[in-house]
Amino acid sequence: MISLMLGQRLERPSGQPETILFSRHGGEFQDAARTLTEQSRLPIGSPPSLEEIVKEYYAVSVARQQSGLPPAVIEMEDGILISAAAARSDLVIEGLNLAKELATMWPKARLPLDWVSAEAWLGGLAAKVGDSGSLSSIVESQIVKHKLGKIRYTAAGVEGSP
């Protein structure tokens, strides 16, 4: 399974995660799947667009900050680098601006242990964004690693071929 770090759990009306007991699985899983489809912030019935995915990364990052959860460093990096790999400079600029804003609010005690400073992190991100050859190599290696060579895709979504 491949995850874009945007996992979403089924929520009950009480706000608690849904648990389906094995003994009731046969009767409840279809209803749970239908409810999760309704709750999902990304489309389930068709592949989400690149913009939908990246915007969700950014929304999750803001929501985590507002909720007092650990900083969404990885989510911000993924959203920005996916945008750069797809040559979507508009989404890169949006992400870098948001990353700069969020980095000023993140409490140092909750940041990754290898965190040096917001400036160093943002500079490193900008360097990665500017290295299209390295980004292309990463994409190609992930295609091979996950055996996705037959999946058809374009920068905008799953349509063309690799």
C-alpha atoms as a PDB file:
ATOM      1  CA  MET A   1       0.000   0.000   0.000  1.00  0.00           C
ATOM      2  CA  ILE A   2       1.185   3.508  -0.772  1.00  0.00           C
ATOM      3  CA  SER A   3       0.199   6.336   1.538  1.00  0.00           C
ATOM      4  CA  LEU A   4       0.435  10.043   1.000  1.00  0.00           C
ATOM      5  CA  MET A   5       0.252  10.689   4.754  1.00  0.00           C
ATOM      6  CA  LEU A   6      -3.325  11.852   4.359  1.00  0.00           C
ATOM      7  CA  GLY A   7      -5.031   8.905   6.007  1.00  0.00           C
ATOM      8  CA  GLN A   8      -8.506   9.563   7.251  1.00  0.00           C
ATOM      9  CA  ARG A   9     -10.403   7.555   9.836  1.00  0.00           C
ATOM     10  CA  LEU A  10     -14.126   7.019   9.926  1.00  0.00           C
ATOM     11  CA  GLU A  11     -15.613   9.324  12.555  1.00  0.00           C
ATOM     12  CA  ARG A  12     -18.730   8.749  14.609  1.00  0.00           C
ATOM     13  CA  PRO A  13     -21.093  11.654  15.234  1.00  0.00           C
ATOM     14  CA  SER A  14     -19.489  11.874  18.695  1.00  0.00           C
ATOM     15  CA  GLY A  15     -16.155  12.621  17.030  1.00  0.00           C
ATOM     16  CA  GLN A  16     -14.628   9.343  18.167  1.00  0.00           C
ATOM     17  CA  PRO A  17     -13.000   6.960  15.663  1.00  0.00           C
ATOM     18  CA  GLU A  18     -15.291   4.182  14.478  1.00  0.00           C
ATOM     19  CA  THR A  19     -14.491   0.618  15.505  1.00  0.00           C
ATOM     20  CA  ILE A  20     -16.071  -2.317  13.726  1.00  0.00           C
ATOM     21  CA  LEU A  21     -16.000  -5.507  15.718  1.00  0.00           C
ATOM     22  CA  PHE A  22     -15.142  -8.663  13.808  1.00  0.00           C
ATOM     23  CA  SER A  23     -18.350 -10.291  14.990  1.00  0.00           C
ATOM     24  CA  ARG A  24     -20.386  -7.510  13.304  1.00  0.00           C
ATOM     25  CA  HIS A  25     -18.078  -6.910  10.337  1.00  0.00           C
ATOM     26  CA  GLY A  26     -20.393  -8.471   7.729  1.00  0.00           C
ATOM     27  CA  GLY A  27     -23.246  -6.139   8.580  1.00  0.00           C
ATOM     28  CA  GLU A  28     -21.367  -2.946   9.305  1.00  0.00           C
ATOM     29  CA  PHE A  29     -18.454  -2.608   6.907  1.00  0.00           C
ATOM     30  CA  GLN A  30     -20.528  -1.530   3.875  1.00  0.00           C
ATOM     31  CA  ASP A  31     -22.258   1.184   5.896  1.00  0.00           C
ATOM     32  CA  ALA A  32     -18.894   2.267   7.314  1.00  0.00           C
ATOM     33  CA  ALA A  33     -17.358   2.389   3.818  1.00  0.00           C
ATOM     34  CA  ARG A  34     -20.267   4.481   2.551  1.00  0.00           C
ATOM     35  CA  THR A  35     -19.968   6.874   5.504  1.00  0.00           C
ATOM     36  CA  LEU A  36     -16.197   7.185   5.071  1.00  0.00           C
ATOM     37  CA  THR A  37     -16.737   7.989   1.392  1.00  0.00           C
ATOM     38  CA  GLU A  38     -19.077  10.803   2.437  1.00  0.00           C
ATOM     39  CA  GLN A  39     -16.605  12.064   5.056  1.00  0.00           C
ATOM     40  CA  SER A  40     -13.524  11.903   2.861  1.00  0.00           C
ATOM     41  CA  ARG A  41     -11.949  15.228   2.012  1.00  0.00           C
ATOM     42  CA  LEU A  42     -10.518  13.703  -1.186  1.00  0.00           C
ATOM     43  CA  PRO A  43     -12.621  11.963  -3.840  1.00  0.00           C
ATOM     44  CA  ILE A  44     -12.926   8.206  -3.401  1.00  0.00           C
ATOM     45  CA  GLY A  45     -14.705   7.221  -6.627  1.00  0.00           C
ATOM     46  CA  SER A  46     -12.090   8.702  -8.934  1.00  0.00           C
ATOM     47  CA  PRO A  47      -8.421   9.623  -8.605  1.00  0.00           C
ATOM     48  CA  PRO A  48      -7.967  13.012  -6.937  1.00  0.00           C
ATOM     49  CA  SER A  49      -6.183  15.679  -8.927  1.00  0.00           C
ATOM     50  CA  LEU A  50      -2.701  16.796  -8.001  1.00  0.00           C
ATOM     51  CA  GLU A  51      -4.128  20.123  -6.864  1.00  0.00           C
ATOM     52  CA  GLU A  52      -6.698  18.407  -4.619  1.00  0.00           C
ATOM     53  CA  ILE A  53      -3.983  16.292  -2.994  1.00  0.00           C
ATOM     54  CA  VAL A  54      -1.590  19.186  -2.449  1.00  0.00           C
ATOM     55  CA  LYS A  55      -4.316  21.497  -1.144  1.00  0.00           C
ATOM     56  CA  GLU A  56      -5.318  18.753   1.312  1.00  0.00           C
ATOM     57  CA  TYR A  57      -1.698  18.491   2.517  1.00  0.00           C
ATOM     58  CA  TYR A  58      -1.732  22.225   3.158  1.00  0.00           C
ATOM     59  CA  ALA A  59      -5.155  22.116   4.858  1.00  0.00           C
ATOM     60  CA  VAL A  60      -4.032  19.257   7.116  1.00  0.00           C
ATOM     61  CA  SER A  61      -0.915  21.245   8.048  1.00  0.00           C
ATOM     62  CA  VAL A  62      -2.979  24.273   9.051  1.00  0.00           C
ATOM     63  CA  ALA A  63      -5.519  22.129  10.934  1.00  0.00           C
ATOM     64  CA  ARG A  64      -2.751  20.390  12.884  1.00  0.00           C
ATOM     65  CA  GLN A  65      -1.329  23.768  13.896  1.00  0.00           C
ATOM     66  CA  GLN A  66      -4.748  25.055  14.955  1.00  0.00           C
ATOM     67  CA  SER A  67      -5.428  21.874  16.945  1.00  0.00           C
ATOM     68  CA  GLY A  68      -2.138  22.030  18.831  1.00  0.00           C
ATOM     69  CA  LEU A  69      -0.937  18.765  17.296  1.00  0.00           C
ATOM     70  CA  PRO A  70       2.727  18.171  16.400  1.00  0.00           C
ATOM     71  CA  PRO A  71       3.899  20.297  13.469  1.00  0.00           C
ATOM     72  CA  ALA A  72       3.124  18.905  10.027  1.00  0.00           C
ATOM     73  CA  VAL A  73       6.705  19.158   8.783  1.00  0.00           C
ATOM     74  CA  ILE A  74       6.551  16.054   6.584  1.00  0.00           C
ATOM     75  CA  GLU A  75       3.161  16.965   5.164  1.00  0.00           C
ATOM     76  CA  MET A  76       4.386  20.428   4.194  1.00  0.00           C
ATOM     77  CA  GLU A  77       7.521  18.983   2.600  1.00  0.00           C
ATOM     78  CA  ASP A  78       5.502  16.397   0.673  1.00  0.00           C
ATOM     79  CA  GLY A  79       3.001  18.959  -0.624  1.00  0.00           C
ATOM     80  CA  ILE A  80       5.745  21.313  -1.785  1.00  0.00           C
ATOM     81  CA  LEU A  81       7.969  18.636  -3.336  1.00  0.00           C
ATOM     82  CA  ILE A  82       5.080  16.883  -5.107  1.00  0.00           C
ATOM     83  CA  SER A  83       4.143  20.270  -6.568  1.00  0.00           C
ATOM     84  CA  ALA A  84       7.726  20.893  -7.667  1.00  0.00           C
ATOM     85  CA  ALA A  85       8.037  17.439  -9.246  1.00  0.00           C
ATOM     86  CA  ALA A  86       4.870  18.171 -11.222  1.00  0.00           C
ATOM     87  CA  ALA A  87       6.167  21.629 -12.230  1.00  0.00           C
ATOM     88  CA  ARG A  88       3.285  23.395 -10.479  1.00  0.00           C
ATOM     89  CA  SER A  89       5.072  26.576  -9.408  1.00  0.00           C
ATOM     90  CA  ASP A  90       1.800  28.116  -8.184  1.00  0.00           C
ATOM     91  CA  LEU A  91       1.380  25.322  -5.628  1.00  0.00           C
ATOM     92  CA  VAL A  92       5.093  25.438  -4.724  1.00  0.00           C
ATOM     93  CA  ILE A  93       4.905  29.170  -4.000  1.00  0.00           C
ATOM     94  CA  GLU A  94       1.698  28.708  -1.995  1.00  0.00           C
ATOM     95  CA  GLY A  95       3.329  25.905  -0.015  1.00  0.00           C
ATOM     96  CA  LEU A  96       6.572  27.765   0.666  1.00  0.00           C
ATOM     97  CA  ASN A  97       4.610  30.801   1.880  1.00  0.00           C
ATOM     98  CA  LEU A  98       2.483  28.617   4.141  1.00  0.00           C
ATOM     99  CA  ALA A  99       5.557  26.730   5.399  1.00  0.00           C
ATOM    100  CA  LYS A 100       7.229  30.025   6.301  1.00  0.00           C
ATOM    101  CA  GLU A 101       4.116  31.154   8.165  1.00  0.00           C
ATOM    102  CA  LEU A 102       3.656  27.873  10.036  1.00  0.00           C
ATOM    103  CA  ALA A 103       7.348  27.516  10.904  1.00  0.00           C
ATOM    104  CA  THR A 104       7.181  30.753  12.886  1.00  0.00           C
ATOM    105  CA  MET A 105       4.362  29.293  15.025  1.00  0.00           C
ATOM    106  CA  TRP A 106       5.679  25.776  15.602  1.00  0.00           C
ATOM    107  CA  PRO A 107       6.943  25.242  19.140  1.00  0.00           C
ATOM    108  CA  LYS A 108      10.601  24.175  19.078  1.00  0.00           C
ATOM    109  CA  ALA A 109       9.938  21.384  21.576  1.00  0.00           C
ATOM    110  CA  ARG A 110       7.585  19.660  19.130  1.00  0.00           C
ATOM    111  CA  LEU A 111       9.832  19.830  16.058  1.00  0.00           C
ATOM    112  CA  PRO A 112      11.920  16.925  14.736  1.00  0.00           C
ATOM    113  CA  LEU A 113      15.134  16.288  16.689  1.00  0.00           C
ATOM    114  CA  ASP A 114      17.297  17.153  13.662  1.00  0.00           C
ATOM    115  CA  TRP A 115      15.577  20.536  13.223  1.00  0.00           C
ATOM    116  CA  VAL A 116      18.168  23.326  13.100  1.00  0.00           C
ATOM    117  CA  SER A 117      16.033  26.374  12.357  1.00  0.00           C
ATOM    118  CA  ALA A 118      13.110  27.524  10.262  1.00  0.00           C
ATOM    119  CA  GLU A 119      15.509  29.316   7.932  1.00  0.00           C
ATOM    120  CA  ALA A 120      17.631  26.193   7.405  1.00  0.00           C
ATOM    121  CA  TRP A 121      14.522  24.071   6.774  1.00  0.00           C
ATOM    122  CA  LEU A 122      13.049  26.574   4.311  1.00  0.00           C
ATOM    123  CA  GLY A 123      16.413  26.955   2.565  1.00  0.00           C
ATOM    124  CA  GLY A 124      16.712  23.184   2.239  1.00  0.00           C
ATOM    125  CA  LEU A 125      13.187  22.984   0.813  1.00  0.00           C
ATOM    126  CA  ALA A 126      13.937  25.731  -1.699  1.00  0.00           C
ATOM    127  CA  ALA A 127      17.103  23.882  -2.768  1.00  0.00           C
ATOM    128  CA  LYS A 128      15.170  20.638  -3.260  1.00  0.00           C
ATOM    129  CA  VAL A 129      12.467  22.463  -5.229  1.00  0.00           C
ATOM    130  CA  GLY A 130      15.124  23.900  -7.518  1.00  0.00           C
ATOM    131  CA  ASP A 131      16.731  20.515  -8.232  1.00  0.00           C
ATOM    132  CA  SER A 132      14.339  19.096 -10.828  1.00  0.00           C
ATOM    133  CA  GLY A 133      16.790  16.340 -11.779  1.00  0.00           C
ATOM    134  CA  SER A 134      16.856  14.995  -8.241  1.00  0.00           C
ATOM    135  CA  LEU A 135      13.066  15.198  -7.960  1.00  0.00           C
ATOM    136  CA  SER A 136      12.677  13.292 -11.232  1.00  0.00           C
ATOM    137  CA  SER A 137      15.101  10.632 -10.001  1.00  0.00           C
ATOM    138  CA  ILE A 138      13.101  10.220  -6.791  1.00  0.00           C
ATOM    139  CA  VAL A 139       9.840   9.862  -8.731  1.00  0.00           C
ATOM    140  CA  GLU A 140      11.377   7.303 -11.096  1.00  0.00           C
ATOM    141  CA  SER A 141      12.915   5.290  -8.239  1.00  0.00           C
ATOM    142  CA  GLN A 142       9.568   5.228  -6.424  1.00  0.00           C
ATOM    143  CA  ILE A 143       7.827   4.020  -9.585  1.00  0.00           C
ATOM    144  CA  VAL A 144      10.308   1.134  -9.769  1.00  0.00           C
ATOM    145  CA  LYS A 145      10.272   0.434  -6.019  1.00  0.00           C
ATOM    146  CA  HIS A 146       6.490   0.197  -5.854  1.00  0.00           C
ATOM    147  CA  LYS A 147       6.152  -1.531  -9.250  1.00  0.00           C
ATOM    148  CA  LEU A 148       4.004   1.243 -10.670  1.00  0.00           C
ATOM    149  CA  GLY A 149       5.449   1.186 -14.181  1.00  0.00           C
ATOM    150  CA  LYS A 150       2.136   0.190 -15.730  1.00  0.00           C
ATOM    151  CA  ILE A 151       0.139   2.886 -13.959  1.00  0.00           C
ATOM    152  CA  ARG A 152      -0.786   5.644 -16.343  1.00  0.00           C
ATOM    153  CA  TYR A 153      -0.278   9.182 -15.056  1.00  0.00           C
ATOM    154  CA  THR A 154       0.264  12.841 -15.897  1.00  0.00           C
ATOM    155  CA  ALA A 155       1.329  15.774 -13.752  1.00  0.00           C
ATOM    156  CA  ALA A 156      -2.378  16.564 -13.277  1.00  0.00           C
ATOM    157  CA  GLY A 157      -3.471  13.061 -12.286  1.00  0.00           C
ATOM    158  CA  VAL A 158      -3.654   9.451 -13.390  1.00  0.00           C
ATOM    159  CA  GLU A 159      -4.178   9.590 -17.158  1.00  0.00           C
ATOM    160  CA  GLY A 160      -1.064   9.317 -19.376  1.00  0.00           C
ATOM    161  CA  SER A 161       1.737   6.766 -19.078  1.00  0.00           C
ATOM    162  CA  PRO A 162       5.051   6.947 -17.225  1.00  0.00           C
END
